[in-house]
PDB file of all heavy atoms in Angstrom:
ATOM      1  N   VAL A   1     212.268 139.511  33.536  1.00  0.00           N
ATOM      2  CA  VAL A   1     210.863 139.806  33.752  1.00  0.00           C
ATOM      3  C   VAL A   1     210.078 138.441  33.964  1.00  0.00           C
ATOM      4  O   VAL A   1     210.522 137.537  33.419  1.00  0.00           O
ATOM      5  CB  VAL A   1     210.229 140.629  32.571  1.00  0.00           C
ATOM      6  CG1 VAL A   1     210.863 142.018  32.477  1.00  0.00           C
ATOM      7  CG2 VAL A   1     210.362 139.837  31.278  1.00  0.00           C
ATOM      8  N   TYR A   2     209.025 138.549  34.684  1.00  0.00           N
ATOM      9  CA  TYR A   2     208.194 137.462  35.039  1.00  0.00           C
ATOM     10  C   TYR A   2     206.962 137.534  34.226  1.00  0.00           C
ATOM     11  O   TYR A   2     206.175 138.598  34.337  1.00  0.00           O
ATOM     12  CB  TYR A   2     208.001 137.384  36.488  1.00  0.00           C
ATOM     13  CG  TYR A   2     207.186 136.337  37.023  1.00  0.00           C
ATOM     14  CD1 TYR A   2     207.812 135.402  38.000  1.00  0.00           C
ATOM     15  CD2 TYR A   2     205.806 135.986  36.758  1.00  0.00           C
ATOM     16  CE1 TYR A   2     207.148 134.327  38.566  1.00  0.00           C
ATOM     17  CE2 TYR A   2     205.193 135.011  37.392  1.00  0.00           C
ATOM     18  CZ  TYR A   2     205.824 134.107  38.242  1.00  0.00           C
ATOM     19  OH  TYR A   2     205.211 133.055  38.821  1.00  0.00           O
ATOM     20  N   CYS A   3     206.543 136.558  33.538  1.00  0.00           N
ATOM     21  CA  CYS A   3     205.364 136.591  32.659  1.00  0.00           C
ATOM     22  C   CYS A   3     204.503 135.298  32.972  1.00  0.00           C
ATOM     23  O   CYS A   3     204.913 134.234  32.877  1.00  0.00           O
ATOM     24  CB  CYS A   3     205.715 136.551  31.191  1.00  0.00           C
ATOM     25  SG  CYS A   3     204.474 136.514  29.935  1.00  0.00           S
ATOM     26  N   SER A   4     203.238 135.663  33.275  1.00  0.00           N
ATOM     27  CA  SER A   4     202.173 134.600  33.578  1.00  0.00           C
ATOM     28  C   SER A   4     200.816 135.252  33.481  1.00  0.00           C
ATOM     29  O   SER A   4     200.621 136.445  33.295  1.00  0.00           O
ATOM     30  CB  SER A   4     202.394 134.002  34.913  1.00  0.00           C
ATOM     31  OG  SER A   4     202.010 134.808  35.962  1.00  0.00           O
ATOM     32  N   ARG A   5     199.843 134.426  33.694  1.00  0.00           N
ATOM     33  CA  ARG A   5     198.422 135.001  33.767  1.00  0.00           C
ATOM     34  C   ARG A   5     198.421 135.757  35.093  1.00  0.00           C
ATOM     35  O   ARG A   5     199.070 135.543  36.057  1.00  0.00           O
ATOM     36  CB  ARG A   5     197.498 133.889  33.886  1.00  0.00           C
ATOM     37  CG  ARG A   5     197.347 133.086  32.627  1.00  0.00           C
ATOM     38  CD  ARG A   5     196.354 131.891  32.705  1.00  0.00           C
ATOM     39  NE  ARG A   5     196.758 130.961  33.746  1.00  0.00           N
ATOM     40  CZ  ARG A   5     196.005 130.292  34.586  1.00  0.00           C
ATOM     41  NH1 ARG A   5     194.630 130.557  34.530  1.00  0.00           N
ATOM     42  NH2 ARG A   5     196.500 129.474  35.441  1.00  0.00           N
ATOM     43  N   ASP A   6     197.622 136.824  35.049  1.00  0.00           N
ATOM     44  CA  ASP A   6     197.358 137.687  36.192  1.00  0.00           C
ATOM     45  C   ASP A   6     196.506 137.007  37.301  1.00  0.00           C
ATOM     46  O   ASP A   6     195.748 136.106  36.913  1.00  0.00           O
ATOM     47  CB  ASP A   6     196.775 138.974  35.794  1.00  0.00           C
ATOM     48  CG  ASP A   6     197.043 140.140  36.762  1.00  0.00           C
ATOM     49  OD1 ASP A   6     197.709 139.893  37.867  1.00  0.00           O
ATOM     50  OD2 ASP A   6     196.781 141.319  36.373  1.00  0.00           O
ATOM     51  N   GLY A   7     196.693 137.323  38.532  1.00  0.00           N
ATOM     52  CA  GLY A   7     196.025 136.761  39.566  1.00  0.00           C
ATOM     53  C   GLY A   7     196.739 136.976  40.895  1.00  0.00           C
ATOM     54  O   GLY A   7     197.365 138.076  41.179  1.00  0.00           O
ATOM     55  N   GLN A   8     196.533 135.972  41.718  1.00  0.00           N
ATOM     56  CA  GLN A   8     197.142 136.082  43.112  1.00  0.00           C
ATOM     57  C   GLN A   8     198.673 136.333  43.042  1.00  0.00           C
ATOM     58  O   GLN A   8     199.232 136.884  43.985  1.00  0.00           O
ATOM     59  CB  GLN A   8     196.927 134.757  43.809  1.00  0.00           C
ATOM     60  CG  GLN A   8     197.318 134.580  45.250  1.00  0.00           C
ATOM     61  CD  GLN A   8     197.251 133.146  45.585  1.00  0.00           C
ATOM     62  OE1 GLN A   8     198.192 132.325  45.243  1.00  0.00           O
ATOM     63  NE2 GLN A   8     196.263 132.810  46.516  1.00  0.00           N
ATOM     64  N   ILE A   9     199.315 135.830  41.983  1.00  0.00           N
ATOM     65  CA  ILE A   9     200.788 135.919  41.909  1.00  0.00           C
ATOM     66  C   ILE A   9     201.266 137.376  41.954  1.00  0.00           C
ATOM     67  O   ILE A   9     202.322 137.763  42.450  1.00  0.00           O
ATOM     68  CB  ILE A   9     201.258 135.300  40.557  1.00  0.00           C
ATOM     69  CG1 ILE A   9     202.846 135.234  40.462  1.00  0.00           C
ATOM     70  CG2 ILE A   9     200.717 136.015  39.369  1.00  0.00           C
ATOM     71  CD1 ILE A   9     203.416 134.362  41.512  1.00  0.00           C
ATOM     72  N   ARG A  10     200.421 138.335  41.528  1.00  0.00           N
ATOM     73  CA  ARG A  10     200.832 139.779  41.513  1.00  0.00           C
ATOM     74  C   ARG A  10     201.322 140.223  42.858  1.00  0.00           C
ATOM     75  O   ARG A  10     202.300 140.928  42.992  1.00  0.00           O
ATOM     76  CB  ARG A  10     199.665 140.670  40.948  1.00  0.00           C
ATOM     77  CG  ARG A  10     200.055 142.081  40.833  1.00  0.00           C
ATOM     78  CD  ARG A  10     198.861 142.814  40.306  1.00  0.00           C
ATOM     79  NE  ARG A  10     198.639 142.661  38.879  1.00  0.00           N
ATOM     80  CZ  ARG A  10     199.173 143.407  37.943  1.00  0.00           C
ATOM     81  NH1 ARG A  10     200.040 144.345  38.142  1.00  0.00           N
ATOM     82  NH2 ARG A  10     198.919 143.091  36.695  1.00  0.00           N
ATOM     83  N   GLU A  11     200.581 139.838  43.861  1.00  0.00           N
ATOM     84  CA  GLU A  11     200.947 140.334  45.206  1.00  0.00           C
ATOM     85  C   GLU A  11     202.321 139.920  45.602  1.00  0.00           C
ATOM     86  O   GLU A  11     203.096 140.606  46.124  1.00  0.00           O
ATOM     87  CB  GLU A  11     199.884 139.843  46.219  1.00  0.00           C
ATOM     88  CG  GLU A  11     200.257 140.118  47.677  1.00  0.00           C
ATOM     89  CD  GLU A  11     199.228 139.575  48.666  1.00  0.00           C
ATOM     90  OE1 GLU A  11     198.194 139.077  48.164  1.00  0.00           O
ATOM     91  OE2 GLU A  11     199.547 139.611  49.872  1.00  0.00           O
ATOM     92  N   ALA A  12     202.618 138.595  45.335  1.00  0.00           N
ATOM     93  CA  ALA A  12     203.928 138.001  45.769  1.00  0.00           C
ATOM     94  C   ALA A  12     205.068 138.667  44.938  1.00  0.00           C
ATOM     95  O   ALA A  12     206.064 138.952  45.475  1.00  0.00           O
ATOM     96  CB  ALA A  12     204.009 136.565  45.448  1.00  0.00           C
ATOM     97  N   LEU A  13     204.799 138.965  43.712  1.00  0.00           N
ATOM     98  CA  LEU A  13     205.788 139.591  42.838  1.00  0.00           C
ATOM     99  C   LEU A  13     206.038 141.054  43.239  1.00  0.00           C
ATOM    100  O   LEU A  13     207.192 141.443  43.301  1.00  0.00           O
ATOM    101  CB  LEU A  13     205.390 139.522  41.374  1.00  0.00           C
ATOM    102  CG  LEU A  13     205.188 138.193  40.825  1.00  0.00           C
ATOM    103  CD1 LEU A  13     204.719 138.246  39.297  1.00  0.00           C
ATOM    104  CD2 LEU A  13     206.551 137.291  40.874  1.00  0.00           C
ATOM    105  N   ASP A  14     205.015 141.812  43.610  1.00  0.00           N
ATOM    106  CA  ASP A  14     205.121 143.161  44.075  1.00  0.00           C
ATOM    107  C   ASP A  14     205.951 143.157  45.346  1.00  0.00           C
ATOM    108  O   ASP A  14     206.834 144.007  45.549  1.00  0.00           O
ATOM    109  CB  ASP A  14     203.774 143.780  44.367  1.00  0.00           C
ATOM    110  CG  ASP A  14     202.958 144.146  43.115  1.00  0.00           C
ATOM    111  OD1 ASP A  14     203.627 144.195  42.051  1.00  0.00           O
ATOM    112  OD2 ASP A  14     201.777 144.343  43.078  1.00  0.00           O
ATOM    113  N   GLU A  15     205.661 142.262  46.246  1.00  0.00           N
ATOM    114  CA  GLU A  15     206.396 142.232  47.524  1.00  0.00           C
ATOM    115  C   GLU A  15     207.926 141.952  47.335  1.00  0.00           C
ATOM    116  O   GLU A  15     208.800 142.531  48.046  1.00  0.00           O
ATOM    117  CB  GLU A  15     205.908 141.156  48.390  1.00  0.00           C
ATOM    118  CG  GLU A  15     204.559 141.369  49.032  1.00  0.00           C
ATOM    119  CD  GLU A  15     204.156 140.293  49.936  1.00  0.00           C
ATOM    120  OE1 GLU A  15     204.874 139.306  50.131  1.00  0.00           O
ATOM    121  OE2 GLU A  15     202.976 140.374  50.514  1.00  0.00           O
ATOM    122  N   ARG A  16     208.279 141.216  46.222  1.00  0.00           N
ATOM    123  CA  ARG A  16     209.706 140.799  45.944  1.00  0.00           C
ATOM    124  C   ARG A  16     210.301 141.726  45.014  1.00  0.00           C
ATOM    125  O   ARG A  16     211.461 141.525  44.588  1.00  0.00           O
ATOM    126  CB  ARG A  16     209.686 139.375  45.524  1.00  0.00           C
ATOM    127  CG  ARG A  16     209.434 138.464  46.674  1.00  0.00           C
ATOM    128  CD  ARG A  16     208.966 137.097  46.110  1.00  0.00           C
ATOM    129  NE  ARG A  16     208.694 136.163  47.203  1.00  0.00           N
ATOM    130  CZ  ARG A  16     207.578 136.016  47.867  1.00  0.00           C
ATOM    131  NH1 ARG A  16     206.601 136.896  47.659  1.00  0.00           N
ATOM    132  NH2 ARG A  16     207.445 135.168  48.862  1.00  0.00           N
ATOM    133  N   GLY A  17     209.572 142.766  44.458  1.00  0.00           N
ATOM    134  CA  GLY A  17     210.257 143.676  43.508  1.00  0.00           C
ATOM    135  C   GLY A  17     210.512 143.089  42.155  1.00  0.00           C
ATOM    136  O   GLY A  17     211.420 143.407  41.522  1.00  0.00           O
ATOM    137  N   VAL A  18     209.673 142.167  41.812  1.00  0.00           N
ATOM    138  CA  VAL A  18     209.928 141.399  40.505  1.00  0.00           C
ATOM    139  C   VAL A  18     209.051 142.049  39.399  1.00  0.00           C
ATOM    140  O   VAL A  18     207.843 142.205  39.633  1.00  0.00           O
ATOM    141  CB  VAL A  18     209.553 139.909  40.594  1.00  0.00           C
ATOM    142  CG1 VAL A  18     209.713 139.159  39.287  1.00  0.00           C
ATOM    143  CG2 VAL A  18     210.481 139.213  41.556  1.00  0.00           C
ATOM    144  N   THR A  19     209.648 142.439  38.271  1.00  0.00           N
ATOM    145  CA  THR A  19     208.842 142.997  37.159  1.00  0.00           C
ATOM    146  C   THR A  19     207.882 142.017  36.623  1.00  0.00           C
ATOM    147  O   THR A  19     208.332 140.877  36.165  1.00  0.00           O
ATOM    148  CB  THR A  19     209.805 143.542  36.116  1.00  0.00           C
ATOM    149  OG1 THR A  19     210.740 144.511  36.586  1.00  0.00           O
ATOM    150  CG2 THR A  19     209.062 144.227  34.921  1.00  0.00           C
ATOM    151  N   PHE A  20     206.605 142.357  36.510  1.00  0.00           N
ATOM    152  CA  PHE A  20     205.500 141.383  36.009  1.00  0.00           C
ATOM    153  C   PHE A  20     204.983 141.895  34.744  1.00  0.00           C
ATOM    154  O   PHE A  20     204.613 143.062  34.595  1.00  0.00           O
ATOM    155  CB  PHE A  20     204.533 141.322  37.144  1.00  0.00           C
ATOM    156  CG  PHE A  20     203.312 140.473  36.840  1.00  0.00           C
ATOM    157  CD1 PHE A  20     203.509 139.192  36.188  1.00  0.00           C
ATOM    158  CD2 PHE A  20     202.062 140.800  37.099  1.00  0.00           C
ATOM    159  CE1 PHE A  20     202.586 138.356  35.956  1.00  0.00           C
ATOM    160  CE2 PHE A  20     200.966 139.881  36.900  1.00  0.00           C
ATOM    161  CZ  PHE A  20     201.254 138.653  36.271  1.00  0.00           C
ATOM    162  N   VAL A  21     204.975 140.896  33.726  1.00  0.00           N
ATOM    163  CA  VAL A  21     204.313 141.195  32.449  1.00  0.00           C
ATOM    164  C   VAL A  21     203.121 140.168  32.304  1.00  0.00           C
ATOM    165  O   VAL A  21     203.368 138.966  32.120  1.00  0.00           O
ATOM    166  CB  VAL A  21     205.229 140.962  31.266  1.00  0.00           C
ATOM    167  CG1 VAL A  21     204.509 141.166  29.960  1.00  0.00           C
ATOM    168  CG2 VAL A  21     206.419 141.903  31.499  1.00  0.00           C
ATOM    169  N   PRO A  22     201.934 140.701  32.637  1.00  0.00           N
ATOM    170  CA  PRO A  22     200.743 139.685  32.769  1.00  0.00           C
ATOM    171  C   PRO A  22     200.295 139.377  31.271  1.00  0.00           C
ATOM    172  O   PRO A  22     200.372 140.163  30.260  1.00  0.00           O
ATOM    173  CB  PRO A  22     199.703 140.468  33.395  1.00  0.00           C
ATOM    174  CG  PRO A  22     200.056 141.887  33.147  1.00  0.00           C
ATOM    175  CD  PRO A  22     201.493 142.031  33.108  1.00  0.00           C
ATOM    176  N   ILE A  23     199.707 138.148  31.156  1.00  0.00           N
ATOM    177  CA  ILE A  23     199.124 137.713  29.887  1.00  0.00           C
ATOM    178  C   ILE A  23     197.647 137.233  30.245  1.00  0.00           C
ATOM    179  O   ILE A  23     197.381 136.851  31.347  1.00  0.00           O
ATOM    180  CB  ILE A  23     199.847 136.560  29.202  1.00  0.00           C
ATOM    181  CG1 ILE A  23     200.032 135.404  30.090  1.00  0.00           C
ATOM    182  CG2 ILE A  23     201.079 137.046  28.559  1.00  0.00           C
ATOM    183  CD1 ILE A  23     200.813 134.243  29.496  1.00  0.00           C
ATOM    184  N   LYS A  24     196.696 137.441  29.184  1.00  0.00           N
ATOM    185  CA  LYS A  24     195.425 137.008  29.533  1.00  0.00           C
ATOM    186  C   LYS A  24     195.162 135.541  29.631  1.00  0.00           C
ATOM    187  O   LYS A  24     194.382 135.092  30.331  1.00  0.00           O
ATOM    188  CB  LYS A  24     194.483 137.489  28.357  1.00  0.00           C
ATOM    189  CG  LYS A  24     194.422 139.095  28.271  1.00  0.00           C
ATOM    190  CD  LYS A  24     193.577 139.569  27.134  1.00  0.00           C
ATOM    191  CE  LYS A  24     193.484 141.055  26.992  1.00  0.00           C
ATOM    192  NZ  LYS A  24     192.804 141.486  25.705  1.00  0.00           N
ATOM    193  N   LYS A  25     195.940 134.808  28.817  1.00  0.00           N
ATOM    194  CA  LYS A  25     195.938 133.296  28.915  1.00  0.00           C
ATOM    195  C   LYS A  25     197.248 132.797  28.356  1.00  0.00           C
ATOM    196  O   LYS A  25     197.934 133.459  27.756  1.00  0.00           O
ATOM    197  CB  LYS A  25     194.773 132.729  28.176  1.00  0.00           C
ATOM    198  CG  LYS A  25     194.742 133.165  26.608  1.00  0.00           C
ATOM    199  CD  LYS A  25     193.532 132.453  25.972  1.00  0.00           C
ATOM    200  CE  LYS A  25     193.446 132.857  24.540  1.00  0.00           C
ATOM    201  NZ  LYS A  25     192.301 132.264  23.820  1.00  0.00           N
ATOM    202  N   THR A  26     197.565 131.594  28.786  1.00  0.00           N
ATOM    203  CA  THR A  26     198.833 131.004  28.292  1.00  0.00           C
ATOM    204  C   THR A  26     198.500 130.385  26.913  1.00  0.00           C
ATOM    205  O   THR A  26     198.217 129.229  26.718  1.00  0.00           O
ATOM    206  CB  THR A  26     199.347 129.891  29.244  1.00  0.00           C
ATOM    207  OG1 THR A  26     199.257 130.320  30.563  1.00  0.00           O
ATOM    208  CG2 THR A  26     200.657 129.509  28.937  1.00  0.00           C
ATOM    209  N   SER A  27     198.756 131.301  25.925  1.00  0.00           N
ATOM    210  CA  SER A  27     198.490 130.871  24.458  1.00  0.00           C
ATOM    211  C   SER A  27     199.633 131.356  23.694  1.00  0.00           C
ATOM    212  O   SER A  27     200.369 132.267  24.020  1.00  0.00           O
ATOM    213  CB  SER A  27     197.111 131.599  24.039  1.00  0.00           C
ATOM    214  OG  SER A  27     197.239 132.965  23.949  1.00  0.00           O
ATOM    215  N   VAL A  28     199.785 130.836  22.502  1.00  0.00           N
ATOM    216  CA  VAL A  28     200.843 131.164  21.554  1.00  0.00           C
ATOM    217  C   VAL A  28     200.659 132.646  21.192  1.00  0.00           C
ATOM    218  O   VAL A  28     201.665 133.388  21.118  1.00  0.00           O
ATOM    219  CB  VAL A  28     200.777 130.257  20.269  1.00  0.00           C
ATOM    220  CG1 VAL A  28     201.772 130.745  19.204  1.00  0.00           C
ATOM    221  CG2 VAL A  28     201.053 128.864  20.620  1.00  0.00           C
ATOM    222  N   SER A  29     199.441 133.182  20.883  1.00  0.00           N
ATOM    223  CA  SER A  29     199.220 134.463  20.434  1.00  0.00           C
ATOM    224  C   SER A  29     199.631 135.419  21.506  1.00  0.00           C
ATOM    225  O   SER A  29     200.352 136.457  21.330  1.00  0.00           O
ATOM    226  CB  SER A  29     197.837 134.730  20.014  1.00  0.00           C
ATOM    227  OG  SER A  29     196.940 134.460  21.079  1.00  0.00           O
ATOM    228  N   GLU A  30     199.288 135.239  22.804  1.00  0.00           N
ATOM    229  CA  GLU A  30     199.575 136.076  23.882  1.00  0.00           C
ATOM    230  C   GLU A  30     201.109 136.066  24.129  1.00  0.00           C
ATOM    231  O   GLU A  30     201.716 137.104  24.379  1.00  0.00           O
ATOM    232  CB  GLU A  30     198.879 135.623  25.209  1.00  0.00           C
ATOM    233  CG  GLU A  30     197.509 136.252  25.351  1.00  0.00           C
ATOM    234  CD  GLU A  30     197.556 137.721  25.644  1.00  0.00           C
ATOM    235  OE1 GLU A  30     197.588 138.513  24.685  1.00  0.00           O
ATOM    236  OE2 GLU A  30     197.623 138.110  26.842  1.00  0.00           O
ATOM    237  N   VAL A  31     201.735 134.992  24.055  1.00  0.00           N
ATOM    238  CA  VAL A  31     203.267 134.959  24.189  1.00  0.00           C
ATOM    239  C   VAL A  31     203.920 135.600  23.136  1.00  0.00           C
ATOM    240  O   VAL A  31     204.912 136.357  23.393  1.00  0.00           O
ATOM    241  CB  VAL A  31     203.642 133.419  24.430  1.00  0.00           C
ATOM    242  CG1 VAL A  31     205.233 133.387  24.563  1.00  0.00           C
ATOM    243  CG2 VAL A  31     203.127 132.826  25.654  1.00  0.00           C
ATOM    244  N   ARG A  32     203.425 135.495  21.920  1.00  0.00           N
ATOM    245  CA  ARG A  32     204.042 136.187  20.793  1.00  0.00           C
ATOM    246  C   ARG A  32     203.901 137.726  21.041  1.00  0.00           C
ATOM    247  O   ARG A  32     204.772 138.467  20.619  1.00  0.00           O
ATOM    248  CB  ARG A  32     203.449 135.747  19.532  1.00  0.00           C
ATOM    249  CG  ARG A  32     203.913 134.411  19.026  1.00  0.00           C
ATOM    250  CD  ARG A  32     203.180 133.942  17.765  1.00  0.00           C
ATOM    251  NE  ARG A  32     203.839 132.660  17.271  1.00  0.00           N
ATOM    252  CZ  ARG A  32     203.254 131.979  16.259  1.00  0.00           C
ATOM    253  NH1 ARG A  32     201.963 132.345  15.811  1.00  0.00           N
ATOM    254  NH2 ARG A  32     203.752 130.851  15.900  1.00  0.00           N
ATOM    255  N   ARG A  33     202.804 138.069  21.519  1.00  0.00           N
ATOM    256  CA  ARG A  33     202.488 139.530  21.821  1.00  0.00           C
ATOM    257  C   ARG A  33     203.618 140.072  22.787  1.00  0.00           C
ATOM    258  O   ARG A  33     204.260 141.125  22.501  1.00  0.00           O
ATOM    259  CB  ARG A  33     201.114 139.774  22.289  1.00  0.00           C
ATOM    260  CG  ARG A  33     200.903 141.213  22.696  1.00  0.00           C
ATOM    261  CD  ARG A  33     199.494 141.447  23.407  1.00  0.00           C
ATOM    262  NE  ARG A  33     199.385 140.626  24.587  1.00  0.00           N
ATOM    263  CZ  ARG A  33     199.815 141.141  25.801  1.00  0.00           C
ATOM    264  NH1 ARG A  33     200.505 142.325  25.906  1.00  0.00           N
ATOM    265  NH2 ARG A  33     199.652 140.417  26.844  1.00  0.00           N
ATOM    266  N   VAL A  34     203.845 139.337  23.846  1.00  0.00           N
ATOM    267  CA  VAL A  34     204.853 139.703  24.874  1.00  0.00           C
ATOM    268  C   VAL A  34     206.167 139.694  24.365  1.00  0.00           C
ATOM    269  O   VAL A  34     207.007 140.642  24.593  1.00  0.00           O
ATOM    270  CB  VAL A  34     204.705 138.744  26.142  1.00  0.00           C
ATOM    271  CG1 VAL A  34     205.856 138.980  27.132  1.00  0.00           C
ATOM    272  CG2 VAL A  34     203.326 138.925  26.822  1.00  0.00           C
ATOM    273  N   ILE A  35     206.486 138.793  23.497  1.00  0.00           N
ATOM    274  CA  ILE A  35     207.831 138.659  22.928  1.00  0.00           C
ATOM    275  C   ILE A  35     208.042 139.974  22.066  1.00  0.00           C
ATOM    276  O   ILE A  35     209.117 140.487  22.056  1.00  0.00           O
ATOM    277  CB  ILE A  35     208.000 137.395  22.117  1.00  0.00           C
ATOM    278  CG1 ILE A  35     208.080 136.134  22.919  1.00  0.00           C
ATOM    279  CG2 ILE A  35     209.197 137.433  21.206  1.00  0.00           C
ATOM    280  CD1 ILE A  35     208.017 134.824  22.128  1.00  0.00           C
ATOM    281  N   LYS A  36     207.137 140.367  21.226  1.00  0.00           N
ATOM    282  CA  LYS A  36     207.186 141.452  20.470  1.00  0.00           C
ATOM    283  C   LYS A  36     207.398 142.791  21.292  1.00  0.00           C
ATOM    284  O   LYS A  36     208.215 143.529  20.868  1.00  0.00           O
ATOM    285  CB  LYS A  36     205.988 141.693  19.564  1.00  0.00           C
ATOM    286  CG  LYS A  36     206.027 142.785  18.520  1.00  0.00           C
ATOM    287  CD  LYS A  36     204.757 142.813  17.651  1.00  0.00           C
ATOM    288  CE  LYS A  36     204.842 143.842  16.641  1.00  0.00           C
ATOM    289  NZ  LYS A  36     203.564 143.928  15.906  1.00  0.00           N
ATOM    290  N   GLU A  37     206.769 142.775  22.432  1.00  0.00           N
ATOM    291  CA  GLU A  37     206.848 144.055  23.302  1.00  0.00           C
ATOM    292  C   GLU A  37     208.183 143.916  24.007  1.00  0.00           C
ATOM    293  O   GLU A  37     208.869 144.958  24.201  1.00  0.00           O
ATOM    294  CB  GLU A  37     205.695 143.974  24.307  1.00  0.00           C
ATOM    295  CG  GLU A  37     204.317 144.303  23.604  1.00  0.00           C
ATOM    296  CD  GLU A  37     203.227 144.262  24.692  1.00  0.00           C
ATOM    297  OE1 GLU A  37     203.502 143.873  25.801  1.00  0.00           O
ATOM    298  OE2 GLU A  37     202.042 144.480  24.269  1.00  0.00           O
ATOM    299  N   GLN A  38     208.527 142.827  24.627  1.00  0.00           N
ATOM    300  CA  GLN A  38     209.659 142.789  25.507  1.00  0.00           C
ATOM    301  C   GLN A  38     210.976 142.552  24.798  1.00  0.00           C
ATOM    302  O   GLN A  38     212.111 142.792  25.359  1.00  0.00           O
ATOM    303  CB  GLN A  38     209.383 141.683  26.564  1.00  0.00           C
ATOM    304  CG  GLN A  38     208.232 141.999  27.531  1.00  0.00           C
ATOM    305  CD  GLN A  38     208.417 143.141  28.316  1.00  0.00           C
ATOM    306  OE1 GLN A  38     209.499 143.379  28.938  1.00  0.00           O
ATOM    307  NE2 GLN A  38     207.416 144.035  28.486  1.00  0.00           N
ATOM    308  N   LYS A  39     210.965 141.895  23.704  1.00  0.00           N
ATOM    309  CA  LYS A  39     212.163 141.596  22.944  1.00  0.00           C
ATOM    310  C   LYS A  39     213.235 140.855  23.729  1.00  0.00           C
ATOM    311  O   LYS A  39     214.360 141.304  23.913  1.00  0.00           O
ATOM    312  CB  LYS A  39     212.753 142.809  22.253  1.00  0.00           C
ATOM    313  CG  LYS A  39     211.824 143.505  21.258  1.00  0.00           C
ATOM    314  CD  LYS A  39     212.454 144.704  20.788  1.00  0.00           C
ATOM    315  CE  LYS A  39     211.607 145.359  19.647  1.00  0.00           C
ATOM    316  NZ  LYS A  39     210.270 145.617  20.030  1.00  0.00           N
ATOM    317  N   PRO A  40     212.929 139.764  24.327  1.00  0.00           N
ATOM    318  CA  PRO A  40     213.893 139.042  25.179  1.00  0.00           C
ATOM    319  C   PRO A  40     214.920 138.306  24.279  1.00  0.00           C
ATOM    320  O   PRO A  40     214.661 137.885  23.201  1.00  0.00           O
ATOM    321  CB  PRO A  40     213.006 137.943  25.952  1.00  0.00           C
ATOM    322  CG  PRO A  40     211.845 137.682  24.993  1.00  0.00           C
ATOM    323  CD  PRO A  40     211.567 139.087  24.260  1.00  0.00           C
ATOM    324  N   ASP A  41     216.101 138.034  24.936  1.00  0.00           N
ATOM    325  CA  ASP A  41     217.102 137.278  24.282  1.00  0.00           C
ATOM    326  C   ASP A  41     216.887 135.814  24.575  1.00  0.00           C
ATOM    327  O   ASP A  41     217.437 134.898  23.788  1.00  0.00           O
ATOM    328  CB  ASP A  41     218.458 137.759  24.731  1.00  0.00           C
ATOM    329  CG  ASP A  41     218.748 139.202  24.492  1.00  0.00           C
ATOM    330  OD1 ASP A  41     218.872 139.466  23.270  1.00  0.00           O
ATOM    331  OD2 ASP A  41     218.781 140.028  25.359  1.00  0.00           O
ATOM    332  N   ILE A  42     216.355 135.470  25.723  1.00  0.00           N
ATOM    333  CA  ILE A  42     216.193 134.109  26.147  1.00  0.00           C
ATOM    334  C   ILE A  42     214.745 133.997  26.774  1.00  0.00           C
ATOM    335  O   ILE A  42     214.341 134.859  27.456  1.00  0.00           O
ATOM    336  CB  ILE A  42     217.200 133.707  27.197  1.00  0.00           C
ATOM    337  CG1 ILE A  42     218.626 133.784  26.576  1.00  0.00           C
ATOM    338  CG2 ILE A  42     216.859 132.363  27.715  1.00  0.00           C
ATOM    339  CD1 ILE A  42     219.688 133.538  27.654  1.00  0.00           C
ATOM    340  N   ILE A  43     214.077 132.845  26.479  1.00  0.00           N
ATOM    341  CA  ILE A  43     212.816 132.532  27.231  1.00  0.00           C
ATOM    342  C   ILE A  43     213.167 131.334  28.059  1.00  0.00           C
ATOM    343  O   ILE A  43     213.589 130.395  27.637  1.00  0.00           O
ATOM    344  CB  ILE A  43     211.708 132.200  26.170  1.00  0.00           C
ATOM    345  CG1 ILE A  43     211.360 133.440  25.469  1.00  0.00           C
ATOM    346  CG2 ILE A  43     210.464 131.815  27.040  1.00  0.00           C
ATOM    347  CD1 ILE A  43     210.247 133.176  24.344  1.00  0.00           C
ATOM    348  N   HIS A  44     212.981 131.607  29.366  1.00  0.00           N
ATOM    349  CA  HIS A  44     213.262 130.606  30.353  1.00  0.00           C
ATOM    350  C   HIS A  44     211.829 130.114  30.847  1.00  0.00           C
ATOM    351  O   HIS A  44     211.184 130.689  31.636  1.00  0.00           O
ATOM    352  CB  HIS A  44     214.014 131.060  31.475  1.00  0.00           C
ATOM    353  CG  HIS A  44     214.425 130.055  32.549  1.00  0.00           C
ATOM    354  ND1 HIS A  44     215.546 130.167  33.471  1.00  0.00           N
ATOM    355  CD2 HIS A  44     214.056 128.758  32.782  1.00  0.00           C
ATOM    356  CE1 HIS A  44     215.684 129.159  34.094  1.00  0.00           C
ATOM    357  NE2 HIS A  44     214.798 128.266  33.790  1.00  0.00           N
TER     358      HIS A  44
END
């Protein structure tokens, strides 16, 4: 899954069929929220 702030990137990801998980800002609290929801084995 692809995680970043929402914006122009969404169009490119939609075109390429990439699963998008948006965050409001690149912050520790937001990334922890996504980690809790997505439960990844690796963060790249």
